[in-house]
Amino acid sequence: RRFAAMGGRPSVRANVLTDNGHPIVDVRGLSITDPAALECEINQWPGVVCVGIFARHRASVCLLGTAGGVQTLQFG
Protein backbone atom coordinates (compact mmCIF):
# COMPACT_ATOMS: atom_id res chain seq x y z
CA ARG A 1 0.00 0.00 0.00
CA ARG A 2 2.83 2.41 0.76
CA PHE A 3 4.43 1.93 -2.66
CA ALA A 4 1.04 2.36 -4.37
CA ALA A 5 0.49 5.60 -2.42
CA MET A 6 3.83 6.80 -3.85
CA GLY A 7 2.73 6.02 -7.41
CA GLY A 8 4.48 2.66 -7.68
CA ARG A 9 3.10 -0.67 -8.84
CA PRO A 10 4.38 -3.32 -6.43
CA SER A 11 4.24 -7.05 -7.12
CA VAL A 12 5.60 -9.99 -5.18
CA ARG A 13 8.08 -11.96 -7.30
CA ALA A 14 6.36 -15.32 -7.85
CA ASN A 15 7.99 -18.47 -6.51
CA VAL A 16 11.15 -16.65 -5.36
CA LEU A 17 12.45 -16.21 -1.83
CA THR A 18 15.73 -14.81 -0.55
CA ASP A 19 18.36 -17.04 1.05
CA ASN A 20 16.70 -16.32 4.39
CA GLY A 21 13.20 -17.17 3.16
CA HIS A 22 11.85 -13.66 2.62
CA PRO A 23 9.67 -12.69 -0.38
CA ILE A 24 10.94 -10.15 -2.90
CA VAL A 25 8.72 -7.21 -3.90
CA ASP A 26 9.45 -5.56 -7.25
CA VAL A 27 8.16 -2.01 -7.69
CA ARG A 28 7.72 -0.34 -11.07
CA GLY A 29 6.69 3.19 -11.93
CA LEU A 30 8.22 5.08 -9.01
CA SER A 31 9.64 8.50 -9.68
CA ILE A 32 12.81 8.56 -7.57
CA THR A 33 14.22 12.05 -7.17
CA ASP A 34 16.25 11.41 -4.00
CA PRO A 35 17.42 7.76 -3.94
CA ALA A 36 19.24 8.02 -0.60
CA ALA A 37 16.20 9.52 1.17
CA LEU A 38 13.85 6.93 -0.36
CA GLU A 39 16.15 4.08 0.64
CA CYS A 40 16.33 5.43 4.21
CA GLU A 41 12.53 5.80 4.42
CA ILE A 42 11.78 2.30 3.11
CA ASN A 43 14.34 0.76 5.48
CA GLN A 44 12.28 2.18 8.39
CA TRP A 45 9.09 0.36 7.34
CA PRO A 46 8.17 -2.63 9.54
CA GLY A 47 8.98 -5.91 7.81
CA VAL A 48 11.55 -4.51 5.37
CA VAL A 49 14.78 -6.49 5.48
CA CYS A 50 16.71 -4.88 2.63
CA VAL A 51 16.18 -2.30 -0.11
CA GLY A 52 17.66 -2.75 -3.57
CA ILE A 53 18.24 0.93 -4.33
CA PHE A 54 21.88 0.84 -3.14
CA ALA A 55 22.17 4.63 -2.89
CA ARG A 56 24.19 4.65 0.33
CA HIS A 57 26.44 1.68 -0.46
CA ARG A 58 26.95 1.85 -4.19
CA ALA A 59 28.05 -1.11 -6.25
CA SER A 60 31.58 -1.12 -7.62
CA VAL A 61 30.84 -3.72 -10.32
CA CYS A 62 27.77 -4.39 -12.44
CA LEU A 63 27.31 -7.55 -14.50
CA LEU A 64 24.95 -6.54 -17.30
CA GLY A 65 23.29 -9.26 -19.34
CA THR A 66 22.90 -8.31 -23.01
CA ALA A 67 22.00 -10.11 -26.21
CA GLY A 68 25.73 -10.22 -27.00
CA GLY A 69 26.70 -11.69 -23.63
CA VAL A 70 27.60 -10.37 -20.20
CA GLN A 71 29.25 -6.96 -19.94
CA THR A 72 31.21 -6.01 -16.83
CA LEU A 73 30.86 -2.36 -15.79
CA GLN A 74 33.32 -1.04 -13.19
CA PHE A 75 32.63 2.01 -11.07
CA GLY A 76 35.32 4.00 -9.28
PDB file of N, CA and C in Angstrom:
ATOM      1  N   ARG A   1       0.821  -1.205   0.000  1.00  0.00           N
ATOM      2  CA  ARG A   1       0.000   0.000   0.000  1.00  0.00           C
ATOM      3  C   ARG A   1       0.858   1.258   0.000  1.00  0.00           C
ATOM      4  N   ARG A   2       1.986   1.214   0.700  1.00  0.00           N
ATOM      5  CA  ARG A   2       2.835   2.409   0.756  1.00  0.00           C
ATOM      6  C   ARG A   2       3.437   2.718  -0.610  1.00  0.00           C
ATOM      7  N   PHE A   3       3.876   1.688  -1.317  1.00  0.00           N
ATOM      8  CA  PHE A   3       4.427   1.925  -2.658  1.00  0.00           C
ATOM      9  C   PHE A   3       3.344   2.448  -3.602  1.00  0.00           C
ATOM     10  N   ALA A   4       2.144   1.900  -3.522  1.00  0.00           N
ATOM     11  CA  ALA A   4       1.041   2.357  -4.373  1.00  0.00           C
ATOM     12  C   ALA A   4       0.709   3.813  -4.074  1.00  0.00           C
ATOM     13  N   ALA A   5       0.761   4.209  -2.795  1.00  0.00           N
ATOM     14  CA  ALA A   5       0.494   5.597  -2.417  1.00  0.00           C
ATOM     15  C   ALA A   5       1.554   6.536  -2.988  1.00  0.00           C
ATOM     16  N   MET A   6       2.745   5.998  -3.274  1.00  0.00           N
ATOM     17  CA  MET A   6       3.829   6.804  -3.846  1.00  0.00           C
ATOM     18  C   MET A   6       3.809   6.775  -5.372  1.00  0.00           C
ATOM     19  N   GLY A   7       2.837   6.088  -5.963  1.00  0.00           N
ATOM     20  CA  GLY A   7       2.735   6.025  -7.412  1.00  0.00           C
ATOM     21  C   GLY A   7       3.367   4.790  -8.019  1.00  0.00           C
ATOM     22  N   GLY A   8       3.843   3.882  -7.183  1.00  0.00           N
ATOM     23  CA  GLY A   8       4.478   2.665  -7.680  1.00  0.00           C
ATOM     24  C   GLY A   8       3.480   1.537  -7.866  1.00  0.00           C
ATOM     25  N   ARG A   9       3.908   0.531  -8.629  1.00  0.00           N
ATOM     26  CA  ARG A   9       3.101  -0.666  -8.843  1.00  0.00           C
ATOM     27  C   ARG A   9       3.889  -1.860  -8.294  1.00  0.00           C
ATOM     28  N   PRO A  10       3.631  -2.215  -7.031  1.00  0.00           N
ATOM     29  CA  PRO A  10       4.377  -3.321  -6.430  1.00  0.00           C
ATOM     30  C   PRO A  10       3.796  -4.680  -6.818  1.00  0.00           C
ATOM     31  N   SER A  11       4.684  -5.672  -6.910  1.00  0.00           N
ATOM     32  CA  SER A  11       4.244  -7.047  -7.124  1.00  0.00           C
ATOM     33  C   SER A  11       5.252  -7.975  -6.459  1.00  0.00           C
ATOM     34  N   VAL A  12       4.735  -9.010  -5.814  1.00  0.00           N
ATOM     35  CA  VAL A  12       5.598  -9.994  -5.181  1.00  0.00           C
ATOM     36  C   VAL A  12       6.131 -10.907  -6.277  1.00  0.00           C
ATOM     37  N   ARG A  13       7.446 -11.101  -6.302  1.00  0.00           N
ATOM     38  CA  ARG A  13       8.081 -11.962  -7.297  1.00  0.00           C
ATOM     39  C   ARG A  13       7.644 -13.402  -7.039  1.00  0.00           C
ATOM     40  N   ALA A  14       6.959 -13.990  -8.007  1.00  0.00           N
ATOM     41  CA  ALA A  14       6.356 -15.317  -7.848  1.00  0.00           C
ATOM     42  C   ALA A  14       7.412 -16.412  -7.693  1.00  0.00           C
ATOM     43  N   ASN A  15       7.173 -17.279  -6.732  1.00  0.00           N
ATOM     44  CA  ASN A  15       7.993 -18.474  -6.512  1.00  0.00           C
ATOM     45  C   ASN A  15       9.468 -18.183  -6.250  1.00  0.00           C
ATOM     46  N   VAL A  16       9.764 -17.009  -5.667  1.00  0.00           N
ATOM     47  CA  VAL A  16      11.149 -16.651  -5.364  1.00  0.00           C
ATOM     48  C   VAL A  16      11.222 -16.147  -3.927  1.00  0.00           C
ATOM     49  N   LEU A  17      12.174 -16.685  -3.181  1.00  0.00           N
ATOM     50  CA  LEU A  17      12.454 -16.214  -1.832  1.00  0.00           C
ATOM     51  C   LEU A  17      13.946 -15.938  -1.721  1.00  0.00           C
ATOM     52  N   THR A  18      14.316 -15.072  -0.797  1.00  0.00           N
ATOM     53  CA  THR A  18      15.733 -14.809  -0.550  1.00  0.00           C
ATOM     54  C   THR A  18      16.357 -16.010   0.147  1.00  0.00           C
ATOM     55  N   ASP A  19      17.665 -15.965   0.347  1.00  0.00           N
ATOM     56  CA  ASP A  19      18.362 -17.040   1.046  1.00  0.00           C
ATOM     57  C   ASP A  19      17.804 -17.273   2.444  1.00  0.00           C
ATOM     58  N   ASN A  20      17.258 -16.216   3.040  1.00  0.00           N
ATOM     59  CA  ASN A  20      16.702 -16.323   4.389  1.00  0.00           C
ATOM     60  C   ASN A  20      15.196 -16.547   4.403  1.00  0.00           C
ATOM     61  N   GLY A  21      14.609 -16.822   3.234  1.00  0.00           N
ATOM     62  CA  GLY A  21      13.198 -17.166   3.163  1.00  0.00           C
ATOM     63  C   GLY A  21      12.227 -16.007   3.067  1.00  0.00           C
ATOM     64  N   HIS A  22      12.715 -14.827   2.721  1.00  0.00           N
ATOM     65  CA  HIS A  22      11.849 -13.661   2.621  1.00  0.00           C
ATOM     66  C   HIS A  22      11.382 -13.456   1.175  1.00  0.00           C
ATOM     67  N   PRO A  23      10.143 -12.997   0.981  1.00  0.00           N
ATOM     68  CA  PRO A  23       9.671 -12.693  -0.381  1.00  0.00           C
ATOM     69  C   PRO A  23      10.348 -11.437  -0.923  1.00  0.00           C
ATOM     70  N   ILE A  24      10.368 -11.321  -2.231  1.00  0.00           N
ATOM     71  CA  ILE A  24      10.935 -10.146  -2.903  1.00  0.00           C
ATOM     72  C   ILE A  24       9.790  -9.373  -3.549  1.00  0.00           C
ATOM     73  N   VAL A  25       9.744  -8.072  -3.306  1.00  0.00           N
ATOM     74  CA  VAL A  25       8.724  -7.211  -3.900  1.00  0.00           C
ATOM     75  C   VAL A  25       9.401  -6.325  -4.932  1.00  0.00           C
ATOM     76  N   ASP A  26       8.970  -6.436  -6.181  1.00  0.00           N
ATOM     77  CA  ASP A  26       9.448  -5.560  -7.247  1.00  0.00           C
ATOM     78  C   ASP A  26       8.480  -4.399  -7.367  1.00  0.00           C
ATOM     79  N   VAL A  27       9.018  -3.194  -7.567  1.00  0.00           N
ATOM     80  CA  VAL A  27       8.157  -2.009  -7.694  1.00  0.00           C
ATOM     81  C   VAL A  27       8.520  -1.293  -8.988  1.00  0.00           C
ATOM     82  N   ARG A  28       7.523  -1.063  -9.812  1.00  0.00           N
ATOM     83  CA  ARG A  28       7.722  -0.339 -11.073  1.00  0.00           C
ATOM     84  C   ARG A  28       6.954   0.974 -11.013  1.00  0.00           C
ATOM     85  N   GLY A  29       7.425   1.946 -11.772  1.00  0.00           N
ATOM     86  CA  GLY A  29       6.690   3.186 -11.927  1.00  0.00           C
ATOM     87  C   GLY A  29       6.959   4.265 -10.892  1.00  0.00           C
ATOM     88  N   LEU A  30       7.909   4.035  -9.988  1.00  0.00           N
ATOM     89  CA  LEU A  30       8.218   5.082  -9.010  1.00  0.00           C
ATOM     90  C   LEU A  30       9.058   6.175  -9.656  1.00  0.00           C
ATOM     91  N   SER A  31       8.782   7.390  -9.283  1.00  0.00           N
ATOM     92  CA  SER A  31       9.637   8.499  -9.678  1.00  0.00           C
ATOM     93  C   SER A  31      10.562   8.766  -8.497  1.00  0.00           C
ATOM     94  N   ILE A  32      11.848   8.447  -8.671  1.00  0.00           N
ATOM     95  CA  ILE A  32      12.808   8.555  -7.567  1.00  0.00           C
ATOM     96  C   ILE A  32      13.681   9.783  -7.808  1.00  0.00           C
ATOM     97  N   THR A  33      13.439  10.818  -7.021  1.00  0.00           N
ATOM     98  CA  THR A  33      14.221  12.047  -7.166  1.00  0.00           C
ATOM     99  C   THR A  33      15.360  12.124  -6.160  1.00  0.00           C
ATOM    100  N   ASP A  34      15.213  11.430  -5.033  1.00  0.00           N
ATOM    101  CA  ASP A  34      16.249  11.413  -4.001  1.00  0.00           C
ATOM    102  C   ASP A  34      16.428   9.966  -3.543  1.00  0.00           C
ATOM    103  N   PRO A  35      17.266   9.185  -4.253  1.00  0.00           N
ATOM    104  CA  PRO A  35      17.418   7.763  -3.944  1.00  0.00           C
ATOM    105  C   PRO A  35      17.837   7.479  -2.503  1.00  0.00           C
ATOM    106  N   ALA A  36      18.771   8.265  -1.969  1.00  0.00           N
ATOM    107  CA  ALA A  36      19.242   8.023  -0.601  1.00  0.00           C
ATOM    108  C   ALA A  36      18.117   8.218   0.416  1.00  0.00           C
ATOM    109  N   ALA A  37      17.313   9.255   0.248  1.00  0.00           N
ATOM    110  CA  ALA A  37      16.202   9.518   1.171  1.00  0.00           C
ATOM    111  C   ALA A  37      15.138   8.430   1.059  1.00  0.00           C
ATOM    112  N   LEU A  38      14.846   7.983  -0.164  1.00  0.00           N
ATOM    113  CA  LEU A  38      13.848   6.934  -0.356  1.00  0.00           C
ATOM    114  C   LEU A  38      14.324   5.626   0.264  1.00  0.00           C
ATOM    115  N   GLU A  39      15.593   5.299   0.050  1.00  0.00           N
ATOM    116  CA  GLU A  39      16.154   4.084   0.643  1.00  0.00           C
ATOM    117  C   GLU A  39      16.061   4.132   2.166  1.00  0.00           C
ATOM    118  N   CYS A  40      16.390   5.254   2.755  1.00  0.00           N
ATOM    119  CA  CYS A  40      16.328   5.429   4.208  1.00  0.00           C
ATOM    120  C   CYS A  40      14.889   5.274   4.713  1.00  0.00           C
ATOM    121  N   GLU A  41      13.938   5.881   4.011  1.00  0.00           N
ATOM    122  CA  GLU A  41      12.534   5.803   4.419  1.00  0.00           C
ATOM    123  C   GLU A  41      12.029   4.367   4.370  1.00  0.00           C
ATOM    124  N   ILE A  42      12.277   3.669   3.263  1.00  0.00           N
ATOM    125  CA  ILE A  42      11.779   2.301   3.111  1.00  0.00           C
ATOM    126  C   ILE A  42      12.403   1.376   4.146  1.00  0.00           C
ATOM    127  N   ASN A  43      13.675   1.591   4.465  1.00  0.00           N
ATOM    128  CA  ASN A  43      14.336   0.765   5.477  1.00  0.00           C
ATOM    129  C   ASN A  43      13.705   0.904   6.855  1.00  0.00           C
ATOM    130  N   GLN A  44      12.942   1.970   7.096  1.00  0.00           N
ATOM    131  CA  GLN A  44      12.281   2.176   8.389  1.00  0.00           C
ATOM    132  C   GLN A  44      10.920   1.486   8.468  1.00  0.00           C
ATOM    133  N   TRP A  45      10.404   1.002   7.348  1.00  0.00           N
ATOM    134  CA  TRP A  45       9.092   0.362   7.345  1.00  0.00           C
ATOM    135  C   TRP A  45       9.168  -0.994   8.047  1.00  0.00           C
ATOM    136  N   PRO A  46       8.186  -1.311   8.897  1.00  0.00           N
ATOM    137  CA  PRO A  46       8.167  -2.625   9.539  1.00  0.00           C
ATOM    138  C   PRO A  46       8.133  -3.743   8.494  1.00  0.00           C
ATOM    139  N   GLY A  47       8.958  -4.752   8.707  1.00  0.00           N
ATOM    140  CA  GLY A  47       8.981  -5.908   7.811  1.00  0.00           C
ATOM    141  C   GLY A  47       9.992  -5.827   6.697  1.00  0.00           C
ATOM    142  N   VAL A  48      10.559  -4.656   6.441  1.00  0.00           N
ATOM    143  CA  VAL A  48      11.548  -4.513   5.369  1.00  0.00           C
ATOM    144  C   VAL A  48      12.896  -5.021   5.875  1.00  0.00           C
ATOM    145  N   VAL A  49      13.485  -5.931   5.114  1.00  0.00           N
ATOM    146  CA  VAL A  49      14.780  -6.494   5.480  1.00  0.00           C
ATOM    147  C   VAL A  49      15.894  -5.780   4.734  1.00  0.00           C
ATOM    148  N   CYS A  50      15.677  -5.495   3.456  1.00  0.00           N
ATOM    149  CA  CYS A  50      16.713  -4.876   2.634  1.00  0.00           C
ATOM    150  C   CYS A  50      16.049  -4.140   1.471  1.00  0.00           C
ATOM    151  N   VAL A  51      16.685  -3.085   1.023  1.00  0.00           N
ATOM    152  CA  VAL A  51      16.181  -2.299  -0.109  1.00  0.00           C
ATOM    153  C   VAL A  51      17.204  -2.384  -1.235  1.00  0.00           C
ATOM    154  N   GLY A  52      16.748  -2.594  -2.435  1.00  0.00           N
ATOM    155  CA  GLY A  52      17.656  -2.750  -3.569  1.00  0.00           C
ATOM    156  C   GLY A  52      17.955  -1.468  -4.322  1.00  0.00           C
ATOM    157  N   ILE A  53      17.905  -0.329  -3.664  1.00  0.00           N
ATOM    158  CA  ILE A  53      18.236   0.934  -4.329  1.00  0.00           C
ATOM    159  C   ILE A  53      19.749   1.146  -4.335  1.00  0.00           C
ATOM    160  N   PHE A  54      20.414   0.762  -3.266  1.00  0.00           N
ATOM    161  CA  PHE A  54      21.876   0.842  -3.138  1.00  0.00           C
ATOM    162  C   PHE A  54      22.418   2.252  -3.316  1.00  0.00           C
ATOM    163  N   ALA A  55      21.716   3.242  -2.774  1.00  0.00           N
ATOM    164  CA  ALA A  55      22.166   4.632  -2.890  1.00  0.00           C
ATOM    165  C   ALA A  55      23.269   4.947  -1.883  1.00  0.00           C
ATOM    166  N   ARG A  56      23.194   4.355  -0.708  1.00  0.00           N
ATOM    167  CA  ARG A  56      24.186   4.647   0.330  1.00  0.00           C
ATOM    168  C   ARG A  56      25.444   3.804   0.173  1.00  0.00           C
ATOM    169  N   HIS A  57      25.300   2.579  -0.265  1.00  0.00           N
ATOM    170  CA  HIS A  57      26.436   1.680  -0.464  1.00  0.00           C
ATOM    171  C   HIS A  57      26.421   1.240  -1.922  1.00  0.00           C
ATOM    172  N   ARG A  58      27.005   2.065  -2.747  1.00  0.00           N
ATOM    173  CA  ARG A  58      26.948   1.845  -4.190  1.00  0.00           C
ATOM    174  C   ARG A  58      27.771   0.639  -4.619  1.00  0.00           C
ATOM    175  N   ALA A  59      27.321   0.020  -5.676  1.00  0.00           N
ATOM    176  CA  ALA A  59      28.046  -1.114  -6.251  1.00  0.00           C
ATOM    177  C   ALA A  59      29.316  -0.624  -6.938  1.00  0.00           C
ATOM    178  N   SER A  60      30.344  -1.445  -6.910  1.00  0.00           N
ATOM    179  CA  SER A  60      31.581  -1.117  -7.616  1.00  0.00           C
ATOM    180  C   SER A  60      31.669  -1.867  -8.933  1.00  0.00           C
ATOM    181  N   VAL A  61      30.858  -2.923  -9.086  1.00  0.00           N
ATOM    182  CA  VAL A  61      30.843  -3.716 -10.317  1.00  0.00           C
ATOM    183  C   VAL A  61      29.400  -4.044 -10.657  1.00  0.00           C
ATOM    184  N   CYS A  62      29.086  -3.990 -11.946  1.00  0.00           N
ATOM    185  CA  CYS A  62      27.768  -4.388 -12.443  1.00  0.00           C
ATOM    186  C   CYS A  62      27.966  -5.413 -13.548  1.00  0.00           C
ATOM    187  N   LEU A  63      27.305  -6.554 -13.433  1.00  0.00           N
ATOM    188  CA  LEU A  63      27.314  -7.546 -14.502  1.00  0.00           C
ATOM    189  C   LEU A  63      26.010  -7.372 -15.263  1.00  0.00           C
ATOM    190  N   LEU A  64      26.108  -6.898 -16.488  1.00  0.00           N
ATOM    191  CA  LEU A  64      24.947  -6.541 -17.296  1.00  0.00           C
ATOM    192  C   LEU A  64      24.742  -7.584 -18.380  1.00  0.00           C
ATOM    193  N   GLY A  65      23.608  -8.271 -18.330  1.00  0.00           N
ATOM    194  CA  GLY A  65      23.292  -9.264 -19.344  1.00  0.00           C
ATOM    195  C   GLY A  65      22.739  -8.596 -20.589  1.00  0.00           C
ATOM    196  N   THR A  66      23.355  -8.868 -21.730  1.00  0.00           N
ATOM    197  CA  THR A  66      22.901  -8.307 -23.009  1.00  0.00           C
ATOM    198  C   THR A  66      22.742  -9.432 -24.018  1.00  0.00           C
ATOM    199  N   ALA A  67      22.159  -9.115 -25.152  1.00  0.00           N
ATOM    200  CA  ALA A  67      22.002 -10.113 -26.205  1.00  0.00           C
ATOM    201  C   ALA A  67      23.360 -10.638 -26.690  1.00  0.00           C
ATOM    202  N   GLY A  68      24.396  -9.826 -26.576  1.00  0.00           N
ATOM    203  CA  GLY A  68      25.733 -10.224 -26.999  1.00  0.00           C
ATOM    204  C   GLY A  68      26.555 -10.884 -25.911  1.00  0.00           C
ATOM    205  N   GLY A  69      25.977 -11.070 -24.740  1.00  0.00           N
ATOM    206  CA  GLY A  69      26.695 -11.687 -23.629  1.00  0.00           C
ATOM    207  C   GLY A  69      26.728 -10.764 -22.426  1.00  0.00           C
ATOM    208  N   VAL A  70      27.509 -11.143 -21.446  1.00  0.00           N
ATOM    209  CA  VAL A  70      27.598 -10.369 -20.205  1.00  0.00           C
ATOM    210  C   VAL A  70      28.665  -9.294 -20.336  1.00  0.00           C
ATOM    211  N   GLN A  71      28.298  -8.072 -19.979  1.00  0.00           N
ATOM    212  CA  GLN A  71      29.247  -6.961 -19.940  1.00  0.00           C
ATOM    213  C   GLN A  71      29.543  -6.641 -18.485  1.00  0.00           C
ATOM    214  N   THR A  72      30.805  -6.388 -18.183  1.00  0.00           N
ATOM    215  CA  THR A  72      31.210  -6.007 -16.835  1.00  0.00           C
ATOM    216  C   THR A  72      31.446  -4.502 -16.808  1.00  0.00           C
ATOM    217  N   LEU A  73      30.698  -3.813 -15.947  1.00  0.00           N
ATOM    218  CA  LEU A  73      30.857  -2.363 -15.795  1.00  0.00           C
ATOM    219  C   LEU A  73      31.517  -2.109 -14.447  1.00  0.00           C
ATOM    220  N   GLN A  74      32.584  -1.364 -14.424  1.00  0.00           N
ATOM    221  CA  GLN A  74      33.319  -1.044 -13.194  1.00  0.00           C
ATOM    222  C   GLN A  74      33.074   0.407 -12.823  1.00  0.00           C
ATOM    223  N   PHE A  75      32.869   0.661 -11.552  1.00  0.00           N
ATOM    224  CA  PHE A  75      32.629   2.009 -11.069  1.00  0.00           C
ATOM    225  C   PHE A  75      33.720   2.368 -10.071  1.00  0.00           C
ATOM    226  N   GLY A  76      34.224   3.580 -10.150  1.00  0.00           N
ATOM    227  CA  GLY A  76      35.317   4.003  -9.284  1.00  0.00           C
ATOM    228  C   GLY A  76      34.884   4.531  -8.023  1.00  0.00           C
TER     229      GLY A  76
END
